[in-house]
PDB file of N, CA and C in Angstrom:
ATOM      1  N   UNK A   1      -7.803  -6.046  10.403  1.00  0.00           N
ATOM      2  CA  UNK A   1      -7.813  -4.615  10.107  1.00  0.00           C
ATOM      3  C   UNK A   1      -6.374  -4.109  10.075  1.00  0.00           C
ATOM      4  N   UNK A   2      -6.129  -3.160   9.223  1.00  0.00           N
ATOM      5  CA  UNK A   2      -4.791  -2.580   9.101  1.00  0.00           C
ATOM      6  C   UNK A   2      -4.838  -1.119   9.531  1.00  0.00           C
ATOM      7  N   UNK A   3      -3.774  -0.687  10.148  1.00  0.00           N
ATOM      8  CA  UNK A   3      -3.651   0.693  10.608  1.00  0.00           C
ATOM      9  C   UNK A   3      -2.793   1.487   9.623  1.00  0.00           C
ATOM     10  N   UNK A   4      -2.992   2.776   9.583  1.00  0.00           N
ATOM     11  CA  UNK A   4      -2.195   3.646   8.718  1.00  0.00           C
ATOM     12  C   UNK A   4      -0.719   3.524   9.088  1.00  0.00           C
ATOM     13  N   UNK A   5      -0.420   3.335  10.372  1.00  0.00           N
ATOM     14  CA  UNK A   5       0.973   3.190  10.781  1.00  0.00           C
ATOM     15  C   UNK A   5       1.608   1.955  10.147  1.00  0.00           C
ATOM     16  N   UNK A   6       0.832   0.892   9.958  1.00  0.00           N
ATOM     17  CA  UNK A   6       1.355  -0.300   9.308  1.00  0.00           C
ATOM     18  C   UNK A   6       1.605  -0.049   7.813  1.00  0.00           C
ATOM     19  N   UNK A   7       0.740   0.739   7.205  1.00  0.00           N
ATOM     20  CA  UNK A   7       0.949   1.095   5.800  1.00  0.00           C
ATOM     21  C   UNK A   7       2.203   1.955   5.670  1.00  0.00           C
ATOM     22  N   UNK A   8       2.396   2.878   6.607  1.00  0.00           N
ATOM     23  CA  UNK A   8       3.610   3.694   6.600  1.00  0.00           C
ATOM     24  C   UNK A   8       4.849   2.814   6.738  1.00  0.00           C
ATOM     25  N   UNK A   9       4.776   1.851   7.654  1.00  0.00           N
ATOM     26  CA  UNK A   9       5.885   0.929   7.877  1.00  0.00           C
ATOM     27  C   UNK A   9       6.194   0.136   6.609  1.00  0.00           C
ATOM     28  N   UNK A  10       5.155  -0.367   5.953  1.00  0.00           N
ATOM     29  CA  UNK A  10       5.331  -1.144   4.722  1.00  0.00           C
ATOM     30  C   UNK A  10       5.899  -0.273   3.612  1.00  0.00           C
ATOM     31  N   UNK A  11       5.432   0.951   3.517  1.00  0.00           N
ATOM     32  CA  UNK A  11       5.914   1.885   2.497  1.00  0.00           C
ATOM     33  C   UNK A  11       7.403   2.149   2.691  1.00  0.00           C
ATOM     34  N   UNK A  12       7.786   2.401   3.930  1.00  0.00           N
ATOM     35  CA  UNK A  12       9.190   2.659   4.242  1.00  0.00           C
ATOM     36  C   UNK A  12      10.038   1.419   3.955  1.00  0.00           C
ATOM     37  N   UNK A  13       9.571   0.245   4.390  1.00  0.00           N
ATOM     38  CA  UNK A  13      10.315  -0.997   4.169  1.00  0.00           C
ATOM     39  C   UNK A  13      10.449  -1.320   2.686  1.00  0.00           C
ATOM     40  N   UNK A  14       9.473  -0.897   1.890  1.00  0.00           N
ATOM     41  CA  UNK A  14       9.509  -1.134   0.447  1.00  0.00           C
ATOM     42  C   UNK A  14      10.399  -0.130  -0.278  1.00  0.00           C
ATOM     43  N   UNK A  15      10.933   0.851   0.469  1.00  0.00           N
ATOM     44  CA  UNK A  15      11.806   1.847  -0.137  1.00  0.00           C
ATOM     45  C   UNK A  15      11.080   2.906  -0.927  1.00  0.00           C
ATOM     46  N   UNK A  16       9.817   3.131  -0.578  1.00  0.00           N
ATOM     47  CA  UNK A  16       8.995   4.105  -1.298  1.00  0.00           C
ATOM     48  C   UNK A  16       9.029   5.445  -0.568  1.00  0.00           C
ATOM     49  N   UNK A  17       9.366   6.493  -1.302  1.00  0.00           N
ATOM     50  CA  UNK A  17       9.344   7.855  -0.774  1.00  0.00           C
ATOM     51  C   UNK A  17       8.212   8.601  -1.460  1.00  0.00           C
ATOM     52  N   UNK A  18       7.262   9.081  -0.673  1.00  0.00           N
ATOM     53  CA  UNK A  18       6.080   9.728  -1.241  1.00  0.00           C
ATOM     54  C   UNK A  18       6.199  11.242  -1.356  1.00  0.00           C
ATOM     55  N   UNK A  19       6.930  11.877  -0.465  1.00  0.00           N
ATOM     56  CA  UNK A  19       6.993  13.330  -0.473  1.00  0.00           C
ATOM     57  C   UNK A  19       5.883  13.968   0.343  1.00  0.00           C
ATOM     58  N   UNK A  20       4.866  13.189   0.682  1.00  0.00           N
ATOM     59  CA  UNK A  20       3.775  13.611   1.562  1.00  0.00           C
ATOM     60  C   UNK A  20       3.460  12.437   2.485  1.00  0.00           C
ATOM     61  N   UNK A  21       2.736  12.701   3.552  1.00  0.00           N
ATOM     62  CA  UNK A  21       2.392  11.617   4.464  1.00  0.00           C
ATOM     63  C   UNK A  21       1.306  10.728   3.852  1.00  0.00           C
ATOM     64  N   UNK A  22       1.274   9.499   4.295  1.00  0.00           N
ATOM     65  CA  UNK A  22       0.254   8.568   3.812  1.00  0.00           C
ATOM     66  C   UNK A  22      -1.135   9.126   4.089  1.00  0.00           C
ATOM     67  N   UNK A  23      -1.314   9.743   5.258  1.00  0.00           N
ATOM     68  CA  UNK A  23      -2.619  10.314   5.603  1.00  0.00           C
ATOM     69  C   UNK A  23      -3.076  11.376   4.602  1.00  0.00           C
ATOM     70  N   UNK A  24      -2.126  12.096   4.033  1.00  0.00           N
ATOM     71  CA  UNK A  24      -2.458  13.167   3.083  1.00  0.00           C
ATOM     72  C   UNK A  24      -2.738  12.667   1.670  1.00  0.00           C
ATOM     73  N   UNK A  25      -2.467  11.389   1.424  1.00  0.00           N
ATOM     74  CA  UNK A  25      -2.663  10.891   0.068  1.00  0.00           C
ATOM     75  C   UNK A  25      -3.448   9.583   0.039  1.00  0.00           C
ATOM     76  N   UNK A  26      -4.311   9.370   1.013  1.00  0.00           N
ATOM     77  CA  UNK A  26      -5.079   8.126   1.107  1.00  0.00           C
ATOM     78  C   UNK A  26      -5.895   7.834  -0.146  1.00  0.00           C
ATOM     79  N   UNK A  27      -6.453   8.865  -0.751  1.00  0.00           N
ATOM     80  CA  UNK A  27      -7.349   8.671  -1.890  1.00  0.00           C
ATOM     81  C   UNK A  27      -6.722   9.034  -3.232  1.00  0.00           C
ATOM     82  N   UNK A  28      -5.417   9.224  -3.258  1.00  0.00           N
ATOM     83  CA  UNK A  28      -4.731   9.550  -4.508  1.00  0.00           C
ATOM     84  C   UNK A  28      -4.264   8.251  -5.160  1.00  0.00           C
ATOM     85  N   UNK A  29      -4.530   8.111  -6.441  1.00  0.00           N
ATOM     86  CA  UNK A  29      -4.157   6.920  -7.197  1.00  0.00           C
ATOM     87  C   UNK A  29      -2.645   6.698  -7.129  1.00  0.00           C
ATOM     88  N   UNK A  30      -2.240   5.436  -6.990  1.00  0.00           N
ATOM     89  CA  UNK A  30      -0.823   5.113  -6.920  1.00  0.00           C
ATOM     90  C   UNK A  30      -0.052   5.656  -8.117  1.00  0.00           C
ATOM     91  N   UNK A  31      -0.637   5.610  -9.300  1.00  0.00           N
ATOM     92  CA  UNK A  31       0.029   6.150 -10.493  1.00  0.00           C
ATOM     93  C   UNK A  31       0.288   7.637 -10.347  1.00  0.00           C
ATOM     94  N   UNK A  32      -0.678   8.359  -9.784  1.00  0.00           N
ATOM     95  CA  UNK A  32      -0.523   9.798  -9.587  1.00  0.00           C
ATOM     96  C   UNK A  32       0.535  10.117  -8.532  1.00  0.00           C
ATOM     97  N   UNK A  33       0.796   9.151  -7.642  1.00  0.00           N
ATOM     98  CA  UNK A  33       1.845   9.321  -6.634  1.00  0.00           C
ATOM     99  C   UNK A  33       3.222   8.967  -7.196  1.00  0.00           C
ATOM    100  N   UNK A  34       3.239   8.462  -8.430  1.00  0.00           N
ATOM    101  CA  UNK A  34       4.493   8.113  -9.066  1.00  0.00           C
ATOM    102  C   UNK A  34       4.986   6.707  -8.747  1.00  0.00           C
ATOM    103  N   UNK A  35       4.098   5.864  -8.214  1.00  0.00           N
ATOM    104  CA  UNK A  35       4.494   4.495  -7.894  1.00  0.00           C
ATOM    105  C   UNK A  35       4.410   3.624  -9.139  1.00  0.00           C
ATOM    106  N   UNK A  36       5.476   2.875  -9.388  1.00  0.00           N
ATOM    107  CA  UNK A  36       5.467   1.975 -10.535  1.00  0.00           C
ATOM    108  C   UNK A  36       5.167   0.549 -10.078  1.00  0.00           C
ATOM    109  N   UNK A  37       5.179  -0.384 -11.008  1.00  0.00           N
ATOM    110  CA  UNK A  37       4.795  -1.756 -10.688  1.00  0.00           C
ATOM    111  C   UNK A  37       5.755  -2.400  -9.685  1.00  0.00           C
ATOM    112  N   UNK A  38       7.032  -2.071  -9.743  1.00  0.00           N
ATOM    113  CA  UNK A  38       7.985  -2.614  -8.782  1.00  0.00           C
ATOM    114  C   UNK A  38       7.719  -2.059  -7.380  1.00  0.00           C
ATOM    115  N   UNK A  39       7.411  -0.760  -7.292  1.00  0.00           N
ATOM    116  CA  UNK A  39       7.045  -0.165  -6.000  1.00  0.00           C
ATOM    117  C   UNK A  39       5.844  -0.893  -5.403  1.00  0.00           C
ATOM    118  N   UNK A  40       4.841  -1.125  -6.232  1.00  0.00           N
ATOM    119  CA  UNK A  40       3.620  -1.771  -5.743  1.00  0.00           C
ATOM    120  C   UNK A  40       3.879  -3.215  -5.352  1.00  0.00           C
ATOM    121  N   UNK A  41       4.683  -3.929  -6.125  1.00  0.00           N
ATOM    122  CA  UNK A  41       5.039  -5.297  -5.769  1.00  0.00           C
ATOM    123  C   UNK A  41       5.695  -5.320  -4.389  1.00  0.00           C
ATOM    124  N   UNK A  42       6.670  -4.439  -4.186  1.00  0.00           N
ATOM    125  CA  UNK A  42       7.366  -4.375  -2.906  1.00  0.00           C
ATOM    126  C   UNK A  42       6.437  -3.955  -1.769  1.00  0.00           C
ATOM    127  N   UNK A  43       5.547  -3.014  -2.037  1.00  0.00           N
ATOM    128  CA  UNK A  43       4.593  -2.561  -1.026  1.00  0.00           C
ATOM    129  C   UNK A  43       3.692  -3.712  -0.575  1.00  0.00           C
ATOM    130  N   UNK A  44       3.119  -4.423  -1.524  1.00  0.00           N
ATOM    131  CA  UNK A  44       2.211  -5.506  -1.161  1.00  0.00           C
ATOM    132  C   UNK A  44       2.955  -6.674  -0.508  1.00  0.00           C
ATOM    133  N   UNK A  45       4.188  -6.886  -0.890  1.00  0.00           N
ATOM    134  CA  UNK A  45       5.002  -7.905  -0.233  1.00  0.00           C
ATOM    135  C   UNK A  45       5.237  -7.534   1.231  1.00  0.00           C
ATOM    136  N   UNK A  46       5.554  -6.277   1.476  1.00  0.00           N
ATOM    137  CA  UNK A  46       5.763  -5.806   2.847  1.00  0.00           C
ATOM    138  C   UNK A  46       4.467  -5.845   3.654  1.00  0.00           C
ATOM    139  N   UNK A  47       3.350  -5.493   3.023  1.00  0.00           N
ATOM    140  CA  UNK A  47       2.064  -5.578   3.732  1.00  0.00           C
ATOM    141  C   UNK A  47       1.765  -7.010   4.148  1.00  0.00           C
ATOM    142  N   UNK A  48       2.067  -7.970   3.272  1.00  0.00           N
ATOM    143  CA  UNK A  48       1.865  -9.377   3.618  1.00  0.00           C
ATOM    144  C   UNK A  48       2.769  -9.777   4.777  1.00  0.00           C
ATOM    145  N   UNK A  49       4.014  -9.296   4.790  1.00  0.00           N
ATOM    146  CA  UNK A  49       4.929  -9.599   5.883  1.00  0.00           C
ATOM    147  C   UNK A  49       4.448  -9.019   7.206  1.00  0.00           C
ATOM    148  N   UNK A  50       3.931  -7.811   7.171  1.00  0.00           N
ATOM    149  CA  UNK A  50       3.497  -7.127   8.393  1.00  0.00           C
ATOM    150  C   UNK A  50       2.211  -7.725   8.941  1.00  0.00           C
ATOM    151  N   UNK A  51       1.280  -8.070   8.057  1.00  0.00           N
ATOM    152  CA  UNK A  51      -0.049  -8.515   8.506  1.00  0.00           C
ATOM    153  C   UNK A  51      -0.214 -10.027   8.544  1.00  0.00           C
ATOM    154  N   UNK A  52       0.705 -10.756   7.937  1.00  0.00           N
ATOM    155  CA  UNK A  52       0.575 -12.214   7.803  1.00  0.00           C
ATOM    156  C   UNK A  52      -0.679 -12.616   7.037  1.00  0.00           C
ATOM    157  N   UNK A  53      -1.122 -11.732   6.159  1.00  0.00           N
ATOM    158  CA  UNK A  53      -2.289 -12.001   5.310  1.00  0.00           C
ATOM    159  C   UNK A  53      -1.824 -11.980   3.857  1.00  0.00           C
ATOM    160  N   UNK A  54      -2.010 -13.094   3.171  1.00  0.00           N
ATOM    161  CA  UNK A  54      -1.653 -13.174   1.763  1.00  0.00           C
ATOM    162  C   UNK A  54      -2.728 -12.478   0.929  1.00  0.00           C
ATOM    163  N   UNK A  55      -2.283 -11.705  -0.048  1.00  0.00           N
ATOM    164  CA  UNK A  55      -3.204 -10.956  -0.901  1.00  0.00           C
ATOM    165  C   UNK A  55      -3.197 -11.585  -2.287  1.00  0.00           C
ATOM    166  N   UNK A  56      -4.358 -11.997  -2.758  1.00  0.00           N
ATOM    167  CA  UNK A  56      -4.462 -12.606  -4.093  1.00  0.00           C
ATOM    168  C   UNK A  56      -4.114 -11.578  -5.164  1.00  0.00           C
ATOM    169  N   UNK A  57      -3.457 -12.043  -6.225  1.00  0.00           N
ATOM    170  CA  UNK A  57      -3.080 -11.143  -7.322  1.00  0.00           C
ATOM    171  C   UNK A  57      -4.288 -10.409  -7.890  1.00  0.00           C
ATOM    172  N   UNK A  58      -5.409 -11.100  -7.980  1.00  0.00           N
ATOM    173  CA  UNK A  58      -6.614 -10.462  -8.518  1.00  0.00           C
ATOM    174  C   UNK A  58      -7.089  -9.333  -7.605  1.00  0.00           C
ATOM    175  N   UNK A  59      -6.863  -9.459  -6.296  1.00  0.00           N
ATOM    176  CA  UNK A  59      -7.234  -8.390  -5.362  1.00  0.00           C
ATOM    177  C   UNK A  59      -6.259  -7.224  -5.455  1.00  0.00           C
ATOM    178  N   UNK A  60      -4.983  -7.542  -5.635  1.00  0.00           N
ATOM    179  CA  UNK A  60      -3.971  -6.492  -5.777  1.00  0.00           C
ATOM    180  C   UNK A  60      -4.323  -5.590  -6.962  1.00  0.00           C
ATOM    181  N   UNK A  61      -4.768  -6.198  -8.046  1.00  0.00           N
ATOM    182  CA  UNK A  61      -5.102  -5.438  -9.248  1.00  0.00           C
ATOM    183  C   UNK A  61      -6.243  -4.453  -9.040  1.00  0.00           C
ATOM    184  N   UNK A  62      -7.086  -4.681  -8.039  1.00  0.00           N
ATOM    185  CA  UNK A  62      -8.218  -3.787  -7.788  1.00  0.00           C
ATOM    186  C   UNK A  62      -7.870  -2.634  -6.855  1.00  0.00           C
ATOM    187  N   UNK A  63      -6.722  -2.722  -6.181  1.00  0.00           N
ATOM    188  CA  UNK A  63      -6.343  -1.686  -5.219  1.00  0.00           C
ATOM    189  C   UNK A  63      -5.515  -0.615  -5.898  1.00  0.00           C
ATOM    190  N   UNK A  64      -6.046   0.589  -5.911  1.00  0.00           N
ATOM    191  CA  UNK A  64      -5.402   1.701  -6.608  1.00  0.00           C
ATOM    192  C   UNK A  64      -4.979   2.831  -5.679  1.00  0.00           C
ATOM    193  N   UNK A  65      -5.424   2.773  -4.400  1.00  0.00           N
ATOM    194  CA  UNK A  65      -5.100   3.813  -3.423  1.00  0.00           C
ATOM    195  C   UNK A  65      -4.835   3.170  -2.063  1.00  0.00           C
ATOM    196  N   UNK A  66      -4.277   3.952  -1.152  1.00  0.00           N
ATOM    197  CA  UNK A  66      -4.087   3.451   0.213  1.00  0.00           C
ATOM    198  C   UNK A  66      -5.439   3.199   0.885  1.00  0.00           C
ATOM    199  N   UNK A  67      -6.439   3.973   0.542  1.00  0.00           N
ATOM    200  CA  UNK A  67      -7.792   3.730   1.076  1.00  0.00           C
ATOM    201  C   UNK A  67      -8.311   2.366   0.648  1.00  0.00           C
ATOM    202  N   UNK A  68      -8.006   1.968  -0.588  1.00  0.00           N
ATOM    203  CA  UNK A  68      -8.409   0.641  -1.057  1.00  0.00           C
ATOM    204  C   UNK A  68      -7.757  -0.458  -0.208  1.00  0.00           C
ATOM    205  N   UNK A  69      -6.507  -0.243   0.176  1.00  0.00           N
ATOM    206  CA  UNK A  69      -5.809  -1.208   1.025  1.00  0.00           C
ATOM    207  C   UNK A  69      -6.503  -1.316   2.373  1.00  0.00           C
ATOM    208  N   UNK A  70      -6.836  -0.185   2.962  1.00  0.00           N
ATOM    209  CA  UNK A  70      -7.522  -0.173   4.255  1.00  0.00           C
ATOM    210  C   UNK A  70      -8.853  -0.901   4.152  1.00  0.00           C
ATOM    211  N   UNK A  71      -9.607  -0.632   3.100  1.00  0.00           N
ATOM    212  CA  UNK A  71     -10.904  -1.303   2.900  1.00  0.00           C
ATOM    213  C   UNK A  71     -10.724  -2.810   2.739  1.00  0.00           C
ATOM    214  N   UNK A  72      -9.678  -3.220   2.068  1.00  0.00           N
ATOM    215  CA  UNK A  72      -9.420  -4.646   1.841  1.00  0.00           C
ATOM    216  C   UNK A  72      -9.250  -5.390   3.161  1.00  0.00           C
ATOM    217  N   UNK A  73      -8.559  -4.780   4.097  1.00  0.00           N
ATOM    218  CA  UNK A  73      -8.261  -5.436   5.352  1.00  0.00           C
ATOM    219  C   UNK A  73      -9.366  -5.331   6.403  1.00  0.00           C
ATOM    220  N   UNK A  74     -10.469  -4.676   6.094  1.00  0.00           N
ATOM    221  CA  UNK A  74     -11.571  -4.552   7.079  1.00  0.00           C
ATOM    222  C   UNK A  74     -12.275  -5.848   7.287  1.00  0.00           C
TER     223      UNK A  74
END
């Protein structure tokens, strides 16, 4: 299971600035948050580093929000 604090940590380590807290944008699409493919690559790389769980590329493609990430790790 992943905590929102770990997602915040990964977001910060990936160099992503959201302008709002992760809690306030859990269900907002990454595209709507202004995240591009490089941001997402870095985010998922940091999540793998923090959780020691490798994420398959096919699974990454299905995750469009922070809520999707939380559901993935349940």
